[in-house]
Each structure stands twice: as C-alpha cells, then as structure tokens.
N, C-alpha and C. Protein backbone atom coordinates (compact mmCIF):
# COMPACT_ATOMS: atom_id res chain seq x y z
N UNK A 1 76.49 -32.88 -112.81
CA UNK A 1 75.81 -34.16 -112.92
C UNK A 1 76.09 -35.04 -111.69
N UNK A 2 77.33 -35.04 -111.22
CA UNK A 2 77.70 -35.86 -110.08
C UNK A 2 76.92 -35.50 -108.82
N UNK A 3 76.63 -34.20 -108.63
CA UNK A 3 75.82 -33.78 -107.48
C UNK A 3 74.45 -34.41 -107.51
N UNK A 4 73.89 -34.56 -108.69
CA UNK A 4 72.56 -35.17 -108.79
C UNK A 4 72.56 -36.59 -108.24
N UNK A 5 73.59 -37.34 -108.54
CA UNK A 5 73.67 -38.72 -108.04
C UNK A 5 73.70 -38.74 -106.52
N UNK A 6 74.53 -37.86 -105.92
CA UNK A 6 74.62 -37.81 -104.46
C UNK A 6 73.30 -37.41 -103.82
N UNK A 7 72.67 -36.36 -104.37
CA UNK A 7 71.42 -35.90 -103.77
C UNK A 7 70.27 -36.87 -104.03
N UNK A 8 70.31 -37.60 -105.14
CA UNK A 8 69.33 -38.66 -105.37
C UNK A 8 69.51 -39.76 -104.33
N UNK A 9 70.76 -40.17 -104.10
CA UNK A 9 71.04 -41.22 -103.12
C UNK A 9 70.61 -40.77 -101.71
N UNK A 10 70.90 -39.54 -101.36
CA UNK A 10 70.49 -39.01 -100.06
C UNK A 10 68.97 -39.02 -99.94
N UNK A 11 68.29 -38.59 -100.99
CA UNK A 11 66.82 -38.57 -100.97
C UNK A 11 66.21 -39.95 -100.84
N UNK A 12 66.73 -40.89 -101.62
CA UNK A 12 66.21 -42.26 -101.54
C UNK A 12 66.48 -42.89 -100.19
N UNK A 13 67.64 -42.60 -99.62
CA UNK A 13 67.97 -43.11 -98.29
C UNK A 13 67.02 -42.52 -97.25
N UNK A 14 66.77 -41.24 -97.35
CA UNK A 14 65.82 -40.60 -96.43
C UNK A 14 64.43 -41.19 -96.53
N UNK A 15 63.98 -41.40 -97.75
CA UNK A 15 62.66 -42.00 -97.95
C UNK A 15 62.62 -43.41 -97.36
N UNK A 16 63.68 -44.17 -97.58
CA UNK A 16 63.73 -45.54 -97.04
C UNK A 16 63.71 -45.53 -95.52
N UNK A 17 64.44 -44.60 -94.89
CA UNK A 17 64.44 -44.53 -93.43
C UNK A 17 63.05 -44.22 -92.87
N UNK A 18 62.34 -43.31 -93.52
CA UNK A 18 60.99 -42.99 -93.05
C UNK A 18 60.05 -44.19 -93.23
N UNK A 19 60.21 -44.90 -94.33
CA UNK A 19 59.37 -46.08 -94.55
C UNK A 19 59.71 -47.20 -93.57
N UNK A 20 60.99 -47.38 -93.28
CA UNK A 20 61.39 -48.39 -92.30
C UNK A 20 60.81 -48.03 -90.93
N UNK A 21 60.90 -46.76 -90.56
CA UNK A 21 60.34 -46.33 -89.27
C UNK A 21 58.85 -46.65 -89.20
N UNK A 22 58.12 -46.32 -90.24
CA UNK A 22 56.68 -46.57 -90.26
C UNK A 22 56.38 -48.07 -90.22
N UNK A 23 57.14 -48.84 -90.99
CA UNK A 23 56.93 -50.30 -91.01
C UNK A 23 57.22 -50.92 -89.65
N UNK A 24 58.27 -50.45 -88.99
CA UNK A 24 58.64 -50.99 -87.68
C UNK A 24 57.57 -50.69 -86.63
N UNK A 25 57.00 -49.50 -86.69
CA UNK A 25 55.92 -49.16 -85.75
C UNK A 25 54.66 -49.96 -86.09
N UNK A 26 54.36 -50.05 -87.37
CA UNK A 26 53.15 -50.77 -87.79
C UNK A 26 53.22 -52.25 -87.45
N UNK A 27 54.43 -52.82 -87.47
CA UNK A 27 54.58 -54.23 -87.14
C UNK A 27 54.89 -54.44 -85.65
N UNK A 28 54.81 -53.37 -84.89
CA UNK A 28 55.02 -53.40 -83.43
C UNK A 28 56.43 -53.83 -83.03
N UNK A 29 57.40 -53.57 -83.90
CA UNK A 29 58.80 -53.84 -83.56
C UNK A 29 59.45 -52.64 -82.88
N UNK A 30 58.84 -51.47 -83.05
CA UNK A 30 59.24 -50.24 -82.36
C UNK A 30 58.00 -49.58 -81.81
N UNK A 31 58.17 -48.86 -80.72
CA UNK A 31 57.09 -48.06 -80.15
C UNK A 31 57.15 -46.66 -80.75
N UNK A 32 56.00 -46.03 -80.87
CA UNK A 32 55.92 -44.69 -81.45
C UNK A 32 56.75 -43.69 -80.65
N UNK A 33 56.82 -43.85 -79.35
CA UNK A 33 57.56 -42.89 -78.54
C UNK A 33 59.00 -43.32 -78.28
N UNK A 34 59.50 -44.32 -79.00
CA UNK A 34 60.88 -44.77 -78.80
C UNK A 34 61.85 -43.80 -79.47
N UNK A 35 63.01 -43.71 -78.87
CA UNK A 35 64.06 -42.86 -79.44
C UNK A 35 64.49 -43.37 -80.81
N UNK A 36 64.57 -44.68 -80.99
CA UNK A 36 64.96 -45.25 -82.28
C UNK A 36 64.01 -44.82 -83.39
N UNK A 37 62.72 -44.87 -83.13
CA UNK A 37 61.72 -44.44 -84.12
C UNK A 37 61.89 -42.97 -84.46
N UNK A 38 62.05 -42.16 -83.43
CA UNK A 38 62.18 -40.72 -83.65
C UNK A 38 63.48 -40.39 -84.38
N UNK A 39 64.56 -41.09 -84.07
CA UNK A 39 65.82 -40.86 -84.78
C UNK A 39 65.73 -41.24 -86.25
N UNK A 40 65.04 -42.33 -86.55
CA UNK A 40 64.81 -42.68 -87.96
C UNK A 40 64.05 -41.57 -88.67
N UNK A 41 63.06 -41.00 -88.00
CA UNK A 41 62.30 -39.89 -88.57
C UNK A 41 63.17 -38.66 -88.78
N UNK A 42 64.00 -38.33 -87.79
CA UNK A 42 64.86 -37.15 -87.91
C UNK A 42 65.85 -37.32 -89.05
N UNK A 43 66.56 -38.42 -89.07
CA UNK A 43 67.59 -38.64 -90.10
C UNK A 43 66.95 -38.71 -91.49
N UNK A 44 65.86 -39.46 -91.60
CA UNK A 44 65.17 -39.55 -92.89
C UNK A 44 64.69 -38.20 -93.38
N UNK A 45 64.14 -37.41 -92.48
CA UNK A 45 63.64 -36.09 -92.85
C UNK A 45 64.77 -35.15 -93.25
N UNK A 46 65.86 -35.18 -92.51
CA UNK A 46 67.00 -34.32 -92.84
C UNK A 46 67.56 -34.69 -94.22
N UNK A 47 67.65 -35.97 -94.50
CA UNK A 47 68.12 -36.39 -95.82
C UNK A 47 67.17 -35.91 -96.91
N UNK A 48 65.87 -36.02 -96.66
CA UNK A 48 64.90 -35.54 -97.66
C UNK A 48 64.92 -34.03 -97.79
N UNK A 49 65.19 -33.33 -96.71
CA UNK A 49 65.32 -31.86 -96.79
C UNK A 49 66.49 -31.51 -97.72
N UNK A 50 67.61 -32.18 -97.55
CA UNK A 50 68.77 -31.92 -98.42
C UNK A 50 68.40 -32.16 -99.89
N UNK A 51 67.73 -33.25 -100.16
CA UNK A 51 67.32 -33.59 -101.52
C UNK A 51 66.35 -32.57 -102.09
N UNK A 52 65.34 -32.23 -101.30
CA UNK A 52 64.30 -31.33 -101.83
C UNK A 52 64.79 -29.90 -101.98
N UNK A 53 65.72 -29.47 -101.14
CA UNK A 53 66.30 -28.14 -101.33
C UNK A 53 67.15 -28.13 -102.60
N UNK A 54 67.92 -29.19 -102.81
CA UNK A 54 68.75 -29.29 -104.02
C UNK A 54 67.89 -29.16 -105.27
N UNK A 55 66.73 -29.82 -105.25
CA UNK A 55 65.84 -29.80 -106.42
C UNK A 55 64.80 -28.67 -106.35
N UNK A 56 64.93 -27.81 -105.36
CA UNK A 56 64.06 -26.64 -105.19
C UNK A 56 62.59 -27.03 -105.03
N UNK A 57 62.36 -28.12 -104.34
CA UNK A 57 61.00 -28.57 -104.03
C UNK A 57 60.68 -28.10 -102.61
N UNK A 58 60.53 -26.79 -102.46
CA UNK A 58 60.43 -26.18 -101.14
C UNK A 58 59.22 -26.60 -100.31
N UNK A 59 58.07 -26.86 -100.91
CA UNK A 59 56.97 -27.36 -100.06
C UNK A 59 57.32 -28.69 -99.37
N UNK A 60 57.99 -29.58 -100.09
CA UNK A 60 58.42 -30.84 -99.49
C UNK A 60 59.50 -30.59 -98.44
N UNK A 61 60.38 -29.64 -98.68
CA UNK A 61 61.39 -29.28 -97.68
C UNK A 61 60.72 -28.82 -96.40
N UNK A 62 59.72 -27.98 -96.54
CA UNK A 62 59.00 -27.46 -95.38
C UNK A 62 58.37 -28.59 -94.57
N UNK A 63 57.70 -29.51 -95.24
CA UNK A 63 57.05 -30.63 -94.55
C UNK A 63 58.09 -31.45 -93.80
N UNK A 64 59.22 -31.71 -94.40
CA UNK A 64 60.23 -32.53 -93.76
C UNK A 64 60.94 -31.81 -92.61
N UNK A 65 61.08 -30.51 -92.69
CA UNK A 65 61.62 -29.75 -91.56
C UNK A 65 60.66 -29.86 -90.37
N UNK A 66 59.38 -29.72 -90.64
CA UNK A 66 58.37 -29.84 -89.57
C UNK A 66 58.37 -31.27 -89.02
N UNK A 67 58.46 -32.26 -89.89
CA UNK A 67 58.47 -33.68 -89.47
C UNK A 67 59.65 -33.94 -88.52
N UNK A 68 60.83 -33.44 -88.89
CA UNK A 68 62.01 -33.60 -88.04
C UNK A 68 61.82 -32.84 -86.73
N UNK A 69 61.23 -31.66 -86.80
CA UNK A 69 60.98 -30.87 -85.60
C UNK A 69 60.06 -31.57 -84.62
N UNK A 70 59.05 -32.22 -85.13
CA UNK A 70 58.13 -32.98 -84.27
C UNK A 70 58.88 -34.11 -83.58
N UNK A 71 59.73 -34.80 -84.31
CA UNK A 71 60.51 -35.90 -83.73
C UNK A 71 61.47 -35.38 -82.66
N UNK A 72 62.13 -34.28 -82.92
CA UNK A 72 63.04 -33.68 -81.94
C UNK A 72 62.27 -33.26 -80.69
N UNK A 73 61.12 -32.64 -80.88
CA UNK A 73 60.28 -32.23 -79.76
C UNK A 73 59.85 -33.44 -78.94
N UNK A 74 59.50 -34.52 -79.62
CA UNK A 74 59.09 -35.75 -78.93
C UNK A 74 60.20 -36.31 -78.06
N UNK A 75 61.42 -36.37 -78.61
CA UNK A 75 62.55 -36.87 -77.83
C UNK A 75 62.82 -35.96 -76.64
N UNK A 76 62.82 -34.66 -76.87
CA UNK A 76 63.10 -33.71 -75.79
C UNK A 76 62.05 -33.80 -74.69
N UNK A 77 60.79 -33.91 -75.07
CA UNK A 77 59.71 -34.02 -74.09
C UNK A 77 59.85 -35.29 -73.28
N UNK A 78 60.14 -36.39 -73.95
CA UNK A 78 60.29 -37.67 -73.25
C UNK A 78 61.46 -37.64 -72.27
N UNK A 79 62.55 -37.05 -72.67
CA UNK A 79 63.71 -36.95 -71.78
C UNK A 79 63.42 -36.05 -70.58
N UNK A 80 62.72 -34.95 -70.85
CA UNK A 80 62.38 -34.03 -69.76
C UNK A 80 61.47 -34.70 -68.75
N UNK A 81 60.49 -35.45 -69.23
CA UNK A 81 59.56 -36.13 -68.33
C UNK A 81 60.22 -37.26 -67.55
N UNK A 82 61.18 -37.95 -68.18
CA UNK A 82 61.83 -39.05 -67.50
C UNK A 82 62.87 -38.58 -66.47
N UNK A 83 63.39 -37.38 -66.67
CA UNK A 83 64.39 -36.88 -65.70
C UNK A 83 63.77 -36.03 -64.61
N UNK A 84 62.51 -35.70 -64.77
CA UNK A 84 61.87 -34.80 -63.82
C UNK A 84 61.08 -35.51 -62.83
C-alpha cells in the first residue's frame, strides 16, 4: 500500500511539471527551445514513466519515454549548434 502513495505522488508531480512547462511557454515566460522548458519536460516525463510502469499502463509509459527523448534530443541539438 505504501508504494502506491509514493508512485501516486511521483505521478502527480510529473503531471504538474509538464503542465507548468506548458503554461510557462503559453504565457511566454519560457521559450520552447530553452533548457529550463526541456528539463521540466524530461523530469515530468520520467516521473510519469515511473508511475505508469508501476501501474502497468505501458502505452502511457511509451509516450512519456518518447516525450523525454524529444526533450533530450532538443537540448543536445541546441548545445551542438551553439558550440559548433
């Protein structure tokens, strides 16, 4: 039972981080290509992956792995372009 509380908290935190990221971009407080935005996406997605694997919601896990991968790719591409 105790594991459920932890994984629920992790899932809700992940969802909140993704919503904060979206709200910040929508309100023009963050840029879409900013590292802060992408980190919010990565952390939020990883938290949701942990939650959805715990509850065996594998389609949602898959989507969040891809979401985090896109954010990681974005950061890596931006760093490569800025250093080159």
